[in-house]
C-alpha atoms as a PDB file:
ATOM      1  CA  MET A   1     -22.510  24.057 -55.199  1.00  0.00           C
ATOM      2  CA  ALA A   2     -23.621  22.956 -51.768  1.00  0.00           C
ATOM      3  CA  ASP A   3     -22.495  19.607 -50.433  1.00  0.00           C
ATOM      4  CA  GLU A   4     -25.587  17.412 -50.503  1.00  0.00           C
ATOM      5  CA  SER A   5     -23.935  14.940 -48.130  1.00  0.00           C
ATOM      6  CA  ALA A   6     -24.598  17.205 -45.179  1.00  0.00           C
ATOM      7  CA  ASP A   7     -27.784  18.760 -43.839  1.00  0.00           C
ATOM      8  CA  GLU A   8     -28.261  22.420 -43.089  1.00  0.00           C
ATOM      9  CA  SER A   9     -26.498  22.067 -39.741  1.00  0.00           C
ATOM     10  CA  GLY A  10     -23.422  20.589 -41.360  1.00  0.00           C
ATOM     11  CA  THR A  11     -24.038  17.123 -39.936  1.00  0.00           C
ATOM     12  CA  ALA A  12     -23.637  14.221 -42.346  1.00  0.00           C
ATOM     13  CA  PRO A  13     -26.796  12.155 -42.964  1.00  0.00           C
ATOM     14  CA  GLY A  14     -27.103   9.201 -40.613  1.00  0.00           C
ATOM     15  CA  ARG A  15     -25.088  10.894 -37.906  1.00  0.00           C
ATOM     16  CA  ARG A  16     -26.857  12.112 -34.823  1.00  0.00           C
ATOM     17  CA  ARG A  17     -25.639  15.390 -33.444  1.00  0.00           C
ATOM     18  CA  PHE A  18     -25.860  15.982 -29.680  1.00  0.00           C
ATOM     19  CA  PRO A  19     -25.859  19.396 -28.009  1.00  0.00           C
ATOM     20  CA  GLY A  20     -22.709  19.983 -25.958  1.00  0.00           C
ATOM     21  CA  GLY A  21     -24.468  19.572 -22.616  1.00  0.00           C
ATOM     22  CA  GLN A  22     -26.197  16.373 -23.660  1.00  0.00           C
ATOM     23  CA  LEU A  23     -22.964  14.841 -24.955  1.00  0.00           C
ATOM     24  CA  SER A  24     -21.201  15.735 -21.724  1.00  0.00           C
ATOM     25  CA  ALA A  25     -23.975  14.092 -19.717  1.00  0.00           C
ATOM     26  CA  LEU A  26     -23.734  10.915 -21.805  1.00  0.00           C
ATOM     27  CA  VAL A  27     -19.963  10.727 -21.326  1.00  0.00           C
ATOM     28  CA  ASN A  28     -20.310  11.340 -17.590  1.00  0.00           C
ATOM     29  CA  ALA A  29     -22.975   8.641 -17.289  1.00  0.00           C
ATOM     30  CA  ALA A  30     -20.762   6.129 -19.093  1.00  0.00           C
ATOM     31  CA  ASN A  31     -17.841   7.112 -16.891  1.00  0.00           C
ATOM     32  CA  GLN A  32     -19.852   6.206 -13.766  1.00  0.00           C
ATOM     33  CA  ARG A  33     -21.229   2.889 -15.011  1.00  0.00           C
ATOM     34  CA  GLY A  34     -20.299   0.134 -12.592  1.00  0.00           C
ATOM     35  CA  ASP A  35     -19.985  -2.527 -15.288  1.00  0.00           C
ATOM     36  CA  LEU A  36     -17.590  -0.384 -17.320  1.00  0.00           C
ATOM     37  CA  ILE A  37     -15.504   0.465 -14.239  1.00  0.00           C
ATOM     38  CA  GLY A  38     -15.333  -3.224 -13.355  1.00  0.00           C
ATOM     39  CA  LEU A  39     -14.267  -4.108 -16.894  1.00  0.00           C
ATOM     40  CA  VAL A  40     -11.402  -1.588 -16.896  1.00  0.00           C
ATOM     41  CA  ARG A  41     -10.362  -2.596 -13.372  1.00  0.00           C
ATOM     42  CA  LYS A  42     -10.312  -6.258 -14.449  1.00  0.00           C
ATOM     43  CA  ALA A  43      -8.181  -5.374 -17.464  1.00  0.00           C
ATOM     44  CA  ARG A  44      -5.615  -3.739 -15.170  1.00  0.00           C
ATOM     45  CA  GLU A  45      -4.901  -7.154 -13.642  1.00  0.00           C
ATOM     46  CA  ASN A  46      -3.278  -8.159 -16.924  1.00  0.00           C
ATOM     47  CA  LEU A  47      -1.101  -5.053 -17.170  1.00  0.00           C
ATOM     48  CA  PRO A  48       2.509  -4.912 -15.914  1.00  0.00           C
ATOM     49  CA  GLY A  49       2.979  -3.631 -12.376  1.00  0.00           C
ATOM     50  CA  ASP A  50       0.791  -3.536  -9.296  1.00  0.00           C
ATOM     51  CA  PRO A  51      -2.943  -3.748 -10.193  1.00  0.00           C
ATOM     52  CA  ALA A  52      -3.705  -2.164  -6.788  1.00  0.00           C
ATOM     53  CA  PHE A  53      -1.754   0.961  -7.807  1.00  0.00           C
ATOM     54  CA  GLY A  54      -3.727   3.973  -6.668  1.00  0.00           C
ATOM     55  CA  ASP A  55      -4.382   2.951  -3.074  1.00  0.00           C
ATOM     56  CA  PRO A  56      -2.779   5.031  -0.281  1.00  0.00           C
ATOM     57  CA  LEU A  57       0.078   2.555   0.171  1.00  0.00           C
ATOM     58  CA  SER A  58       1.096   2.605  -3.464  1.00  0.00           C
ATOM     59  CA  VAL A  59       1.041   6.353  -4.080  1.00  0.00           C
ATOM     60  CA  THR A  60       2.855   7.606  -0.981  1.00  0.00           C
ATOM     61  CA  GLY A  61       6.339   8.972  -1.498  1.00  0.00           C
ATOM     62  CA  PRO A  62       7.748  11.683  -3.769  1.00  0.00           C
ATOM     63  CA  GLY A  63       8.507  11.600  -7.463  1.00  0.00           C
ATOM     64  CA  GLY A  64       7.561   9.517 -10.457  1.00  0.00           C
ATOM     65  CA  ALA A  65       4.203   7.909 -11.026  1.00  0.00           C
ATOM     66  CA  ARG A  66       3.242   8.343  -7.368  1.00  0.00           C
ATOM     67  CA  ALA A  67       3.424  12.118  -7.514  1.00  0.00           C
ATOM     68  CA  VAL A  68       1.385  12.185 -10.738  1.00  0.00           C
ATOM     69  CA  ALA A  69      -1.215   9.864  -9.205  1.00  0.00           C
ATOM     70  CA  ARG A  70      -1.622  12.146  -6.192  1.00  0.00           C
ATOM     71  CA  ALA A  71      -1.934  15.192  -8.436  1.00  0.00           C
ATOM     72  CA  ALA A  72      -4.494  13.426 -10.613  1.00  0.00           C
ATOM     73  CA  ASP A  73      -6.617  12.622  -7.583  1.00  0.00           C
ATOM     74  CA  LYS A  74      -6.983  16.331  -6.917  1.00  0.00           C
ATOM     75  CA  PHE A  75      -8.725  16.665 -10.294  1.00  0.00           C
ATOM     76  CA  VAL A  76     -10.687  13.426 -10.676  1.00  0.00           C
ATOM     77  CA  GLY A  77     -11.178  12.628  -6.982  1.00  0.00           C
ATOM     78  CA  ASP A  78     -11.168   9.176  -5.462  1.00  0.00           C
ATOM     79  CA  SER A  79     -14.693   8.183  -6.509  1.00  0.00           C
ATOM     80  CA  PRO A  80     -14.835   5.114  -8.764  1.00  0.00           C
ATOM     81  CA  SER A  81     -14.917   5.985 -12.460  1.00  0.00           C
ATOM     82  CA  ALA A  82     -13.782   4.466 -15.732  1.00  0.00           C
ATOM     83  CA  ALA A  83     -11.561   7.486 -16.450  1.00  0.00           C
ATOM     84  CA  ARG A  84      -9.820   7.139 -13.088  1.00  0.00           C
ATOM     85  CA  GLU A  85      -9.162   3.430 -13.667  1.00  0.00           C
ATOM     86  CA  LEU A  86      -7.783   4.124 -17.156  1.00  0.00           C
ATOM     87  CA  GLY A  87      -5.482   6.810 -15.785  1.00  0.00           C
ATOM     88  CA  LEU A  88      -4.240   4.631 -12.927  1.00  0.00           C
ATOM     89  CA  GLY A  89      -3.701   1.793 -15.396  1.00  0.00           C
ATOM     90  CA  ALA A  90      -1.393   3.993 -17.457  1.00  0.00           C
ATOM     91  CA  LEU A  91       0.474   5.108 -14.322  1.00  0.00           C
ATOM     92  CA  GLN A  92       0.698   1.484 -13.164  1.00  0.00           C
ATOM     93  CA  VAL A  93       2.472   0.537 -16.401  1.00  0.00           C
ATOM     94  CA  TRP A  94       4.738   3.582 -16.146  1.00  0.00           C
ATOM     95  CA  GLN A  95       5.735   2.678 -12.601  1.00  0.00           C
ATOM     96  CA  ALA A  96       6.409  -0.918 -13.672  1.00  0.00           C
ATOM     97  CA  MET A  97       8.667   0.325 -16.483  1.00  0.00           C
ATOM     98  CA  LEU A  98      10.597   2.528 -14.046  1.00  0.00           C
ATOM     99  CA  GLU A  99      11.161  -0.464 -11.785  1.00  0.00           C
ATOM    100  CA  ARG A 100      12.220  -2.639 -14.720  1.00  0.00           C
ATOM    101  CA  VAL A 101      14.995  -0.256 -15.740  1.00  0.00           C
ATOM    102  CA  GLY A 102      16.131   0.237 -12.159  1.00  0.00           C
ATOM    103  CA  LYS A 103      14.772   3.740 -11.616  1.00  0.00           C
ATOM    104  CA  GLY A 104      12.955   2.700  -8.459  1.00  0.00           C
ATOM    105  CA  ARG A 105      15.758   0.682  -6.887  1.00  0.00           C
ATOM    106  CA  GLY A 106      18.670   1.679  -4.720  1.00  0.00           C
ATOM    107  CA  THR A 107      22.017  -0.004  -4.282  1.00  0.00           C
ATOM    108  CA  GLN A 108      21.976  -0.944  -0.592  1.00  0.00           C
ATOM    109  CA  ASP A 109      19.864  -3.548   1.201  1.00  0.00           C
ATOM    110  CA  VAL A 110      17.551  -2.231   3.903  1.00  0.00           C
ATOM    111  CA  THR A 111      14.690  -3.861   5.768  1.00  0.00           C
ATOM    112  CA  ILE A 112      11.357  -2.087   5.501  1.00  0.00           C
ATOM    113  CA  MET A 113       8.769  -2.235   8.256  1.00  0.00           C
ATOM    114  CA  PHE A 114       5.079  -1.429   7.964  1.00  0.00           C
ATOM    115  CA  THR A 115       2.762  -1.464  10.983  1.00  0.00           C
ATOM    116  CA  ASP A 116      -0.988  -1.170  11.314  1.00  0.00           C
ATOM    117  CA  LEU A 117      -3.480  -1.400  14.185  1.00  0.00           C
ATOM    118  CA  VAL A 118      -6.110  -4.105  13.735  1.00  0.00           C
ATOM    119  CA  ALA A 119      -9.742  -2.887  13.578  1.00  0.00           C
ATOM    120  CA  PHE A 120      -8.633   0.592  14.600  1.00  0.00           C
ATOM    121  CA  SER A 121     -11.191   2.454  12.495  1.00  0.00           C
ATOM    122  CA  SER A 122     -14.235   0.777  14.016  1.00  0.00           C
ATOM    123  CA  TRP A 123     -12.919   1.330  17.537  1.00  0.00           C
ATOM    124  CA  SER A 124     -12.062   4.983  16.943  1.00  0.00           C
ATOM    125  CA  LEU A 125     -15.536   5.748  15.605  1.00  0.00           C
ATOM    126  CA  ALA A 126     -17.053   4.619  18.884  1.00  0.00           C
ATOM    127  CA  ALA A 127     -14.297   6.032  21.111  1.00  0.00           C
ATOM    128  CA  GLY A 128     -14.280   9.568  19.681  1.00  0.00           C
ATOM    129  CA  ASP A 129     -11.486  11.940  18.762  1.00  0.00           C
ATOM    130  CA  GLU A 130     -10.098  12.565  22.247  1.00  0.00           C
ATOM    131  CA  ARG A 131      -9.668   8.891  23.119  1.00  0.00           C
ATOM    132  CA  THR A 132      -8.364   8.123  19.626  1.00  0.00           C
ATOM    133  CA  LEU A 133      -5.675  10.770  19.926  1.00  0.00           C
ATOM    134  CA  GLU A 134      -4.697   9.489  23.370  1.00  0.00           C
ATOM    135  CA  LEU A 135      -4.397   5.954  22.003  1.00  0.00           C
ATOM    136  CA  LEU A 136      -2.225   7.028  19.073  1.00  0.00           C
ATOM    137  CA  ARG A 137       0.093   8.926  21.409  1.00  0.00           C
ATOM    138  CA  ARG A 138       0.478   5.924  23.710  1.00  0.00           C
ATOM    139  CA  VAL A 139       1.041   3.597  20.768  1.00  0.00           C
ATOM    140  CA  ALA A 140       3.754   5.909  19.399  1.00  0.00           C
ATOM    141  CA  LYS A 141       5.478   5.997  22.805  1.00  0.00           C
ATOM    142  CA  ALA A 142       5.364   2.211  22.927  1.00  0.00           C
ATOM    143  CA  ILE A 143       6.594   1.288  19.467  1.00  0.00           C
ATOM    144  CA  GLU A 144       8.805   4.131  18.218  1.00  0.00           C
ATOM    145  CA  PRO A 145      11.589   4.023  20.864  1.00  0.00           C
ATOM    146  CA  PRO A 146      12.419   0.347  20.092  1.00  0.00           C
ATOM    147  CA  ILE A 147      12.689   1.296  16.427  1.00  0.00           C
ATOM    148  CA  ALA A 148      15.095   4.165  17.104  1.00  0.00           C
ATOM    149  CA  ASP A 149      17.081   2.179  19.696  1.00  0.00           C
ATOM    150  CA  ARG A 150      17.849  -0.483  17.075  1.00  0.00           C
ATOM    151  CA  GLY A 151      18.971   1.892  14.375  1.00  0.00           C
ATOM    152  CA  GLY A 152      15.651   2.187  12.584  1.00  0.00           C
ATOM    153  CA  GLN A 153      14.261   5.363  11.092  1.00  0.00           C
ATOM    154  CA  VAL A 154      10.570   6.216  11.008  1.00  0.00           C
ATOM    155  CA  ILE A 155       9.930   7.410   7.452  1.00  0.00           C
ATOM    156  CA  LYS A 156       6.258   8.291   7.702  1.00  0.00           C
ATOM    157  CA  ARG A 157       3.305   7.963  10.052  1.00  0.00           C
ATOM    158  CA  MET A 158       0.013   6.964   8.467  1.00  0.00           C
ATOM    159  CA  GLY A 159      -2.727   7.431  11.048  1.00  0.00           C
ATOM    160  CA  ASP A 160      -2.654   4.195  13.020  1.00  0.00           C
ATOM    161  CA  GLY A 161       0.468   2.838  11.319  1.00  0.00           C
ATOM    162  CA  LEU A 162       3.949   3.747  10.220  1.00  0.00           C
ATOM    163  CA  MET A 163       6.720   2.907   7.801  1.00  0.00           C
ATOM    164  CA  ALA A 164      10.304   2.526   9.013  1.00  0.00           C
ATOM    165  CA  VAL A 165      13.580   1.319   7.528  1.00  0.00           C
ATOM    166  CA  PHE A 166      16.462  -0.525   9.191  1.00  0.00           C
ATOM    167  CA  PRO A 167      20.068  -1.150   8.136  1.00  0.00           C
ATOM    168  CA  SER A 168      19.659  -4.887   8.788  1.00  0.00           C
ATOM    169  CA  ALA A 169      16.983  -7.555   9.051  1.00  0.00           C
ATOM    170  CA  ASP A 170      18.177  -8.541  12.540  1.00  0.00           C
ATOM    171  CA  ARG A 171      17.620  -5.061  13.924  1.00  0.00           C
ATOM    172  CA  ALA A 172      14.202  -4.858  12.302  1.00  0.00           C
ATOM    173  CA  VAL A 173      13.023  -8.157  13.790  1.00  0.00           C
ATOM    174  CA  ARG A 174      14.354  -7.260  17.248  1.00  0.00           C
ATOM    175  CA  ALA A 175      12.573  -3.897  17.032  1.00  0.00           C
ATOM    176  CA  ALA A 176       9.306  -5.531  15.980  1.00  0.00           C
ATOM    177  CA  VAL A 177       9.405  -7.969  18.906  1.00  0.00           C
ATOM    178  CA  ALA A 178      10.221  -5.213  21.420  1.00  0.00           C
ATOM    179  CA  ALA A 179       7.580  -2.865  20.019  1.00  0.00           C
ATOM    180  CA  LYS A 180       4.833  -5.459  20.262  1.00  0.00           C
ATOM    181  CA  GLU A 181       5.904  -6.333  23.800  1.00  0.00           C
ATOM    182  CA  ASN A 182       5.662  -2.657  24.778  1.00  0.00           C
ATOM    183  CA  LEU A 183       2.257  -2.431  23.119  1.00  0.00           C
ATOM    184  CA  THR A 184       0.815  -4.974  25.552  1.00  0.00           C
ATOM    185  CA  THR A 185       0.976  -2.281  28.269  1.00  0.00           C
ATOM    186  CA  VAL A 186      -1.301   0.114  26.350  1.00  0.00           C
ATOM    187  CA  ASN A 187      -4.861   0.092  27.628  1.00  0.00           C
ATOM    188  CA  ILE A 188      -7.537   2.690  26.924  1.00  0.00           C
ATOM    189  CA  ASP A 189     -10.725   2.032  28.908  1.00  0.00           C
ATOM    190  CA  GLY A 190     -10.247  -1.699  28.544  1.00  0.00           C
ATOM    191  CA  TYR A 191      -9.278  -1.553  24.878  1.00  0.00           C
ATOM    192  CA  ARG A 192      -5.915  -3.160  24.098  1.00  0.00           C
ATOM    193  CA  PRO A 193      -4.708  -2.432  20.572  1.00  0.00           C
ATOM    194  CA  ARG A 194      -3.325  -5.213  18.397  1.00  0.00           C
ATOM    195  CA  MET A 195      -0.710  -4.451  15.778  1.00  0.00           C
ATOM    196  CA  ARG A 196       0.261  -6.326  12.658  1.00  0.00           C
ATOM    197  CA  VAL A 197       3.760  -5.891  11.291  1.00  0.00           C
ATOM    198  CA  GLY A 198       5.264  -6.619   7.885  1.00  0.00           C
ATOM    199  CA  LEU A 199       9.011  -6.850   7.203  1.00  0.00           C
ATOM    200  CA  HIS A 200      10.698  -7.124   3.820  1.00  0.00           C
ATOM    201  CA  THR A 201      14.351  -6.745   2.847  1.00  0.00           C
ATOM    202  CA  GLY A 202      15.289  -5.226  -0.488  1.00  0.00           C
ATOM    203  CA  THR A 203      16.815  -2.257  -2.262  1.00  0.00           C
ATOM    204  CA  PRO A 204      14.282   0.586  -2.386  1.00  0.00           C
ATOM    205  CA  ARG A 205      15.429   3.980  -3.533  1.00  0.00           C
ATOM    206  CA  GLU A 206      15.786   6.874  -1.091  1.00  0.00           C
ATOM    207  CA  ILE A 207      14.683  10.234  -2.435  1.00  0.00           C
ATOM    208  CA  GLY A 208      14.299  13.338  -0.327  1.00  0.00           C
ATOM    209  CA  GLY A 209      14.031  11.453   2.951  1.00  0.00           C
ATOM    210  CA  ASP A 210      11.413   9.055   1.587  1.00  0.00           C
ATOM    211  CA  TRP A 211      11.743   5.612   0.052  1.00  0.00           C
ATOM    212  CA  LEU A 212      10.065   4.244  -3.033  1.00  0.00           C
ATOM    213  CA  GLY A 213      10.209   1.219  -5.261  1.00  0.00           C
ATOM    214  CA  VAL A 214       8.734  -2.220  -5.642  1.00  0.00           C
ATOM    215  CA  ASP A 215      10.246  -3.400  -2.343  1.00  0.00           C
ATOM    216  CA  VAL A 216       8.202  -0.798  -0.461  1.00  0.00           C
ATOM    217  CA  THR A 217       5.048  -2.163  -2.068  1.00  0.00           C
ATOM    218  CA  ILE A 218       6.052  -5.721  -1.172  1.00  0.00           C
ATOM    219  CA  ALA A 219       6.633  -4.757   2.473  1.00  0.00           C
ATOM    220  CA  ALA A 220       3.170  -3.198   2.653  1.00  0.00           C
ATOM    221  CA  ARG A 221       1.585  -6.306   1.171  1.00  0.00           C
ATOM    222  CA  VAL A 222       3.504  -8.546   3.596  1.00  0.00           C
ATOM    223  CA  MET A 223       1.960  -6.537   6.437  1.00  0.00           C
ATOM    224  CA  GLU A 224      -1.500  -7.042   4.936  1.00  0.00           C
ATOM    225  CA  ALA A 225      -1.002 -10.787   5.382  1.00  0.00           C
ATOM    226  CA  GLY A 226      -0.677 -10.207   9.140  1.00  0.00           C
ATOM    227  CA  GLY A 227      -4.369 -10.673   9.828  1.00  0.00           C
ATOM    228  CA  ASN A 228      -5.363 -10.031  13.447  1.00  0.00           C
ATOM    229  CA  GLY A 229      -2.024  -8.895  14.768  1.00  0.00           C
ATOM    230  CA  ASN A 230       0.750 -11.144  13.466  1.00  0.00           C
ATOM    231  CA  THR A 231       4.327 -10.238  12.570  1.00  0.00           C
ATOM    232  CA  MET A 232       5.111 -11.333   9.030  1.00  0.00           C
ATOM    233  CA  LEU A 233       8.486 -11.709   7.308  1.00  0.00           C
ATOM    234  CA  SER A 234       9.233 -12.105   3.628  1.00  0.00           C
ATOM    235  CA  ASN A 235      11.615 -14.863   2.592  1.00  0.00           C
ATOM    236  CA  ALA A 236      14.163 -12.135   1.783  1.00  0.00           C
ATOM    237  CA  THR A 237      14.093 -10.911   5.385  1.00  0.00           C
ATOM    238  CA  LEU A 238      14.261 -14.439   6.779  1.00  0.00           C
ATOM    239  CA  ASP A 239      17.275 -15.215   4.579  1.00  0.00           C
ATOM    240  CA  ALA A 240      19.011 -12.039   5.759  1.00  0.00           C
ATOM    241  CA  LEU A 241      18.658 -12.873   9.468  1.00  0.00           C
ATOM    242  CA  GLY A 242      21.668 -14.009  11.450  1.00  0.00           C
ATOM    243  CA  PRO A 243      21.421 -17.653  12.583  1.00  0.00           C
ATOM    244  CA  GLU A 244      21.279 -16.686  16.251  1.00  0.00           C
ATOM    245  CA  THR A 245      18.683 -13.917  16.151  1.00  0.00           C
ATOM    246  CA  LEU A 246      15.499 -15.958  16.371  1.00  0.00           C
ATOM    247  CA  ASP A 247      16.976 -18.305  18.981  1.00  0.00           C
ATOM    248  CA  GLU A 248      18.002 -15.385  21.186  1.00  0.00           C
ATOM    249  CA  LEU A 249      14.527 -13.894  20.920  1.00  0.00           C
ATOM    250  CA  GLY A 250      12.820 -17.210  21.584  1.00  0.00           C
ATOM    251  CA  PHE A 251      10.899 -17.129  18.316  1.00  0.00           C
ATOM    252  CA  GLY A 252      10.484 -19.350  15.308  1.00  0.00           C
ATOM    253  CA  VAL A 253       8.706 -18.982  11.960  1.00  0.00           C
ATOM    254  CA  LYS A 254       5.926 -20.811  10.188  1.00  0.00           C
ATOM    255  CA  PRO A 255       5.046 -20.491   6.488  1.00  0.00           C
ATOM    256  CA  TYR A 256       2.074 -18.268   5.744  1.00  0.00           C
ATOM    257  CA  ARG A 257      -0.736 -19.957   3.895  1.00  0.00           C
ATOM    258  CA  ARG A 258      -3.524 -17.788   2.605  1.00  0.00           C
ATOM    259  CA  SER A 259      -6.945 -18.905   3.728  1.00  0.00           C
ATOM    260  CA  PHE A 260      -9.443 -19.991   1.122  1.00  0.00           C
ATOM    261  CA  PHE A 261     -11.591 -16.885   1.637  1.00  0.00           C
ATOM    262  CA  ALA A 262      -8.725 -14.348   1.783  1.00  0.00           C
ATOM    263  CA  ALA A 263      -8.051 -12.224  -1.286  1.00  0.00           C
ATOM    264  CA  PRO A 264      -4.685 -12.869  -2.953  1.00  0.00           C
ATOM    265  CA  LEU A 265      -1.967 -10.289  -2.376  1.00  0.00           C
ATOM    266  CA  SER A 266      -1.556  -8.024  -5.382  1.00  0.00           C
ATOM    267  CA  GLY A 267       1.554  -6.379  -6.744  1.00  0.00           C
ATOM    268  CA  VAL A 268       4.017  -8.951  -5.354  1.00  0.00           C
ATOM    269  CA  PRO A 269       6.372 -11.367  -7.150  1.00  0.00           C
ATOM    270  CA  GLU A 270       4.990 -14.822  -7.822  1.00  0.00           C
ATOM    271  CA  ASP A 271       7.876 -16.428  -5.928  1.00  0.00           C
ATOM    272  CA  LEU A 272       7.355 -14.325  -2.777  1.00  0.00           C
ATOM    273  CA  ARG A 273       7.092 -16.473   0.335  1.00  0.00           C
ATOM    274  CA  ILE A 274       5.838 -15.083   3.642  1.00  0.00           C
ATOM    275  CA  PHE A 275       6.458 -16.400   7.153  1.00  0.00           C
ATOM    276  CA  ARG A 276       4.719 -15.741  10.472  1.00  0.00           C
ATOM    277  CA  LEU A 277       6.845 -15.022  13.525  1.00  0.00           C
ATOM    278  CA  GLU A 278       5.775 -17.141  16.509  1.00  0.00           C
ATOM    279  CA  ALA A 279       6.998 -17.466  20.085  1.00  0.00           C
ATOM    280  CA  GLU A 280       8.387 -20.901  20.895  1.00  0.00           C
END
C-alpha cells in the first residue's frame, strides 16, 4: 500500500522541494548576506583566541591552524562570506586550544620585532612599480644590517615590512633605534618613508625556521599601535631591558593610550601594556 504521507515525487506534504540548482543558489545567496556575515563575525568576538584570526599576520608561519587557514583560503577565497567566518571561527578556537596546552610556545625568551612602512600602499600606487622596488631595496639596506649586527634574525619579509627575532630585548631595542636612524637617509623623489616598529618579548615556538604562537600575534598587534611611525614596546619587553640601555640610547618611554576613535587591539591579553619609545 502506498504511503499517503508523501506525494508522487516522494516529498512529504507541507515540505517544499527545491531543484538542486535552485537550492544551491539559495545557499550561496545566504552565504553572501552582509547581515549574516556580520552576525557570525560578531559571534567570533566571544570565542576563545584571536577574533582577527584569518588576517595575513595571524596565518603566516607553518603548521597547525595557520596552515589549514591558508589551505582553506585556496578553496573559499578571501571574499567575505558566512562560511568563511564560520571556518575561521573554528580554526580560531583550535589555535587558542593549542596555545592553552603549550603547543604554540617555546621554552626560551626571545624578542620579536615587526616593522611596517606608514601609508606605503597609497604612495606606491602613485609612484609605480619601478620606484616602489627601488624604495624597498633602499629600506632593506637601511634597516636589515642593524638587525643582523645586533644578533637579530630576519624571519620573513612581508612587502613593506618584516618580522625578526632577537636573543634579548636590549639588542632588539638598539637595532630598532639604529634602523630608524638609518631610514632617515632614504629619500625617493622627495618621499621619506616612515616606519612603525613593534617589540614584544615572549616564548614563541620555532618550527622549520619560522616562529609561531600567541607572542607573535601580540608583537604584530603592538606594532599596529605605532600609528604614524612610532616604536612601541610591550611591558614584557620593557621589563626585560637592562637598566642602562635606554639611558645609553638617550630614550625614554611613555605609556600608550589608545585614542577615542582608534579600534581596540584584538587578540592580545587584557593586561597587556604598551609603551612608546621617545627621544629625551
